[in-house]
Amino acid sequence: MDIDSSGFLVIKTKYGVADIDTAAEMYMQTNVYPFLQKYDPFKYFPYPSLVEKQMESNPVYRIHKKNNQIIRDYYGIESFD
């Protein structure tokens, strides 16, 4: 079994879906989004100015709540699909 086949088998077994994007979103909903915290520059070090300017001018992801779920919208480059 090659790496692609074994990866899709794990996704199908663990998440019950065949689509990798759906599985990734399911993972994010349970393992990442619940732990996100608003950035507080008084609690953490301030972002370096270069990173801060990039985040303001070109956010790749925007996260918002919809139907009581946290949704991640991608605003980066176009995919190759």
C-alpha atoms as a PDB file:
ATOM      1  CA  MET A   1       0.000   0.000   0.000  1.00  0.00           C
ATOM      2  CA  ASP A   2       1.463   3.393  -0.941  1.00  0.00           C
ATOM      3  CA  ILE A   3       1.465   6.445   1.341  1.00  0.00           C
ATOM      4  CA  ASP A   4      -1.532   8.076  -0.376  1.00  0.00           C
ATOM      5  CA  SER A   5      -3.683   4.967  -0.048  1.00  0.00           C
ATOM      6  CA  SER A   6      -2.733   4.444   3.585  1.00  0.00           C
ATOM      7  CA  GLY A   7      -3.398   8.112   4.371  1.00  0.00           C
ATOM      8  CA  PHE A   8      -6.869   7.983   2.845  1.00  0.00           C
ATOM      9  CA  LEU A   9      -7.561   4.720   4.673  1.00  0.00           C
ATOM     10  CA  VAL A  10      -6.697   6.411   7.989  1.00  0.00           C
ATOM     11  CA  ILE A  11      -8.943   9.383   7.111  1.00  0.00           C
ATOM     12  CA  LYS A  12     -11.829   7.085   6.169  1.00  0.00           C
ATOM     13  CA  THR A  13     -11.372   5.003   9.337  1.00  0.00           C
ATOM     14  CA  LYS A  14     -10.866   7.870  11.787  1.00  0.00           C
ATOM     15  CA  TYR A  15     -13.299  10.446  10.382  1.00  0.00           C
ATOM     16  CA  GLY A  16     -15.703   8.343   8.313  1.00  0.00           C
ATOM     17  CA  VAL A  17     -15.226  10.495   5.209  1.00  0.00           C
ATOM     18  CA  ALA A  18     -13.188  10.139   2.040  1.00  0.00           C
ATOM     19  CA  ASP A  19     -12.539  13.858   1.516  1.00  0.00           C
ATOM     20  CA  ILE A  20      -9.301  15.139   3.046  1.00  0.00           C
ATOM     21  CA  ASP A  21     -10.600  18.725   3.369  1.00  0.00           C
ATOM     22  CA  THR A  22     -13.674  17.552   5.283  1.00  0.00           C
ATOM     23  CA  ALA A  23     -11.489  15.444   7.567  1.00  0.00           C
ATOM     24  CA  ALA A  24      -9.161  18.398   8.145  1.00  0.00           C
ATOM     25  CA  GLU A  25     -12.109  20.627   9.055  1.00  0.00           C
ATOM     26  CA  MET A  26     -13.417  17.960  11.469  1.00  0.00           C
ATOM     27  CA  TYR A  27      -9.977  17.812  13.090  1.00  0.00           C
ATOM     28  CA  MET A  28      -9.795  21.597  13.381  1.00  0.00           C
ATOM     29  CA  GLN A  29     -13.294  21.776  14.937  1.00  0.00           C
ATOM     30  CA  THR A  30     -12.332  19.401  17.745  1.00  0.00           C
ATOM     31  CA  ASN A  31      -8.602  19.913  18.245  1.00  0.00           C
ATOM     32  CA  VAL A  32      -7.749  23.492  17.309  1.00  0.00           C
ATOM     33  CA  TYR A  33     -10.684  25.944  17.276  1.00  0.00           C
ATOM     34  CA  PRO A  34     -11.812  25.283  20.867  1.00  0.00           C
ATOM     35  CA  PHE A  35      -8.370  26.346  22.088  1.00  0.00           C
ATOM     36  CA  LEU A  36      -7.955  29.547  20.078  1.00  0.00           C
ATOM     37  CA  GLN A  37      -7.599  32.665  22.161  1.00  0.00           C
ATOM     38  CA  LYS A  38      -7.748  36.288  21.175  1.00  0.00           C
ATOM     39  CA  TYR A  39      -4.250  37.706  20.936  1.00  0.00           C
ATOM     40  CA  ASP A  40      -3.527  40.018  23.864  1.00  0.00           C
ATOM     41  CA  PRO A  41      -0.332  42.088  23.414  1.00  0.00           C
ATOM     42  CA  PHE A  42      -0.338  42.899  27.142  1.00  0.00           C
ATOM     43  CA  LYS A  43      -0.262  39.201  28.006  1.00  0.00           C
ATOM     44  CA  TYR A  44       2.086  38.115  25.204  1.00  0.00           C
ATOM     45  CA  PHE A  45       4.883  39.900  23.426  1.00  0.00           C
ATOM     46  CA  PRO A  46       3.706  42.237  20.675  1.00  0.00           C
ATOM     47  CA  TYR A  47       3.910  40.960  17.128  1.00  0.00           C
ATOM     48  CA  PRO A  48       6.956  42.193  15.244  1.00  0.00           C
ATOM     49  CA  SER A  49       5.846  45.096  13.063  1.00  0.00           C
ATOM     50  CA  LEU A  50       6.549  43.220   9.815  1.00  0.00           C
ATOM     51  CA  VAL A  51       4.299  40.298  10.804  1.00  0.00           C
ATOM     52  CA  GLU A  52       1.603  42.656  12.066  1.00  0.00           C
ATOM     53  CA  LYS A  53       1.566  44.614   8.787  1.00  0.00           C
ATOM     54  CA  GLN A  54       1.338  41.376   6.777  1.00  0.00           C
ATOM     55  CA  MET A  55      -1.531  40.069   8.902  1.00  0.00           C
ATOM     56  CA  GLU A  56      -3.463  43.316   8.489  1.00  0.00           C
ATOM     57  CA  SER A  57      -2.890  43.638   4.744  1.00  0.00           C
ATOM     58  CA  ASN A  58      -3.161  39.973   3.706  1.00  0.00           C
ATOM     59  CA  PRO A  59      -4.998  37.703   6.130  1.00  0.00           C
ATOM     60  CA  VAL A  60      -4.928  34.167   4.762  1.00  0.00           C
ATOM     61  CA  TYR A  61      -7.666  32.814   7.045  1.00  0.00           C
ATOM     62  CA  ARG A  62     -10.579  34.486   8.728  1.00  0.00           C
ATOM     63  CA  ILE A  63     -12.273  32.726  11.600  1.00  0.00           C
ATOM     64  CA  HIS A  64     -15.868  33.425  12.611  1.00  0.00           C
ATOM     65  CA  LYS A  65     -18.823  31.767  14.292  1.00  0.00           C
ATOM     66  CA  LYS A  66     -21.736  30.421  12.259  1.00  0.00           C
ATOM     67  CA  ASN A  67     -24.574  28.280  13.606  1.00  0.00           C
ATOM     68  CA  ASN A  68     -22.729  27.939  16.912  1.00  0.00           C
ATOM     69  CA  GLN A  69     -19.640  26.508  15.181  1.00  0.00           C
ATOM     70  CA  ILE A  70     -16.314  28.153  14.519  1.00  0.00           C
ATOM     71  CA  ILE A  71     -15.732  28.371  10.764  1.00  0.00           C
ATOM     72  CA  ARG A  72     -12.413  28.985   9.012  1.00  0.00           C
ATOM     73  CA  ASP A  73     -12.618  30.744   5.645  1.00  0.00           C
ATOM     74  CA  TYR A  74      -9.551  30.652   3.420  1.00  0.00           C
ATOM     75  CA  TYR A  75      -8.640  33.899   1.647  1.00  0.00           C
ATOM     76  CA  GLY A  76      -5.187  32.922   0.389  1.00  0.00           C
ATOM     77  CA  ILE A  77      -3.969  31.918  -3.030  1.00  0.00           C
ATOM     78  CA  GLU A  78      -6.124  29.874  -5.375  1.00  0.00           C
ATOM     79  CA  SER A  79      -5.732  26.119  -5.053  1.00  0.00           C
ATOM     80  CA  PHE A  80      -4.520  23.941  -7.910  1.00  0.00           C
ATOM     81  CA  ASP A  81      -7.690  21.800  -7.895  1.00  0.00           C
END
